Amino acid sequence: MNFELSRLRPIANLAELSLSPAEEAAFAGDVGRILSYMTELETVDTTGIVATANMVECELESKRSGDGWRVDIVAEGLAHDDALRGAPSVESEGFAVPSFVE
């Protein structure tokens, strides 16, 4: 499927991407291939397959049916001091990280 550059440019602008003409052409080709694949997927017969809105519902159903999903097991975590012992920098009894927001 051909994805026009005139449709790509506003999307790139919203994503604050500065693309060279070569990058625009590459991205347009990639998006075109993705859309072609999506069109191909629309032809798959999904009759009898229940739509999945989220994985929580799927996991709850699988636990009821016993189909092999792993059950979460609560275990004791790492002690506070042990966790900080391996930190490159500690500040105020926690991990110190460099500031990245001005």
Protein backbone atom coordinates (compact mmCIF):
# COMPACT_ATOMS: atom_id res chain seq x y z
CA MET A 1 0.00 0.00 0.00
CA ASN A 2 1.32 3.43 -0.90
CA PHE A 3 1.41 5.95 1.96
CA GLU A 4 1.62 9.49 0.67
CA LEU A 5 4.21 11.90 2.03
CA SER A 6 1.47 14.51 2.34
CA ARG A 7 -0.12 12.27 5.00
CA LEU A 8 3.19 11.47 6.70
CA ARG A 9 4.40 15.04 7.20
CA PRO A 10 1.59 16.18 9.57
CA ILE A 11 2.07 13.01 11.65
CA ALA A 12 5.83 13.61 11.83
CA ASN A 13 5.14 17.21 12.82
CA LEU A 14 2.82 16.11 15.65
CA ALA A 15 5.53 13.72 16.86
CA GLU A 16 8.05 16.60 16.60
CA LEU A 17 10.22 14.62 14.18
CA SER A 18 12.55 16.41 11.80
CA LEU A 19 12.94 14.04 8.87
CA SER A 20 15.20 14.34 5.86
CA PRO A 21 13.64 13.59 2.47
CA ALA A 22 15.31 10.15 2.55
CA GLU A 23 13.90 9.45 6.04
CA GLU A 24 10.44 10.60 4.93
CA ALA A 25 10.55 8.18 2.00
CA ALA A 26 11.73 5.34 4.25
CA PHE A 27 9.04 6.01 6.87
CA ALA A 28 6.34 6.30 4.21
CA GLY A 29 7.41 2.92 2.85
CA ASP A 30 7.38 1.39 6.34
CA VAL A 31 3.94 2.78 7.14
CA GLY A 32 2.66 1.58 3.79
CA ARG A 33 3.87 -1.96 4.50
CA ILE A 34 2.31 -1.90 7.97
CA LEU A 35 -1.03 -0.74 6.56
CA SER A 36 -0.86 -3.43 3.86
CA TYR A 37 -0.31 -6.05 6.56
CA MET A 38 -3.26 -4.69 8.55
CA THR A 39 -5.42 -4.94 5.43
CA GLU A 40 -4.26 -8.54 5.00
CA LEU A 41 -5.14 -9.31 8.65
CA GLU A 42 -8.69 -8.07 8.04
CA THR A 43 -9.21 -11.09 5.78
CA VAL A 44 -8.52 -13.59 8.58
CA ASP A 45 -11.66 -15.45 9.68
CA THR A 46 -12.11 -14.76 13.39
CA THR A 47 -15.52 -16.39 13.69
CA GLY A 48 -15.88 -17.92 17.15
CA ILE A 49 -12.91 -16.06 18.63
CA VAL A 50 -13.88 -13.90 21.58
CA ALA A 51 -12.60 -10.34 21.36
CA THR A 52 -10.08 -9.48 24.06
CA ALA A 53 -10.41 -6.02 25.57
CA ASN A 54 -7.56 -6.49 28.03
CA MET A 55 -5.30 -9.19 29.38
CA VAL A 56 -6.77 -9.11 32.90
CA GLU A 57 -10.01 -10.62 31.61
CA CYS A 58 -8.01 -13.13 29.57
CA GLU A 59 -5.87 -14.12 32.56
CA LEU A 60 -8.89 -14.49 34.86
CA GLU A 61 -10.60 -16.71 32.31
CA SER A 62 -7.46 -18.82 31.86
CA LYS A 63 -7.18 -19.38 35.62
CA ARG A 64 -10.76 -20.65 35.64
CA SER A 65 -10.12 -22.94 32.69
CA GLY A 66 -6.68 -24.11 33.89
CA ASP A 67 -4.96 -23.60 30.54
CA GLY A 68 -1.45 -23.13 31.92
CA TRP A 69 -1.17 -19.48 32.77
CA ARG A 70 1.24 -18.85 35.64
CA VAL A 71 -0.23 -17.80 38.97
CA ASP A 72 1.59 -14.93 40.66
CA ILE A 73 3.33 -15.96 43.86
CA VAL A 74 4.00 -13.33 46.51
CA ALA A 75 7.60 -13.43 47.71
CA GLU A 76 9.66 -11.24 49.99
CA GLY A 77 11.46 -8.45 48.14
CA LEU A 78 14.92 -6.99 48.49
CA ALA A 79 15.67 -5.18 51.77
CA HIS A 80 16.02 -1.39 51.49
CA ASP A 81 19.68 -1.36 52.57
CA ASP A 82 20.55 -4.21 50.22
CA ALA A 83 18.98 -2.38 47.29
CA LEU A 84 20.85 0.83 48.02
CA ARG A 85 24.15 -0.99 48.54
CA GLY A 86 24.49 -1.55 44.80
CA ALA A 87 23.42 1.97 43.78
CA PRO A 88 26.03 4.18 42.12
CA SER A 89 24.73 7.18 44.08
CA VAL A 90 22.51 7.47 47.17
CA GLU A 91 20.75 10.59 48.43
CA SER A 92 18.17 11.03 51.22
CA GLU A 93 17.96 7.27 51.80
CA GLY A 94 17.06 6.65 48.15
CA PHE A 95 18.54 6.27 44.68
CA ALA A 96 20.08 9.50 43.40
CA VAL A 97 19.45 10.15 39.72
CA PRO A 98 20.64 13.04 37.57
CA SER A 99 18.14 15.81 36.92
CA PHE A 100 16.72 15.70 33.42
CA VAL A 101 13.92 18.29 33.67
CA GLU A 102 14.75 21.95 33.93
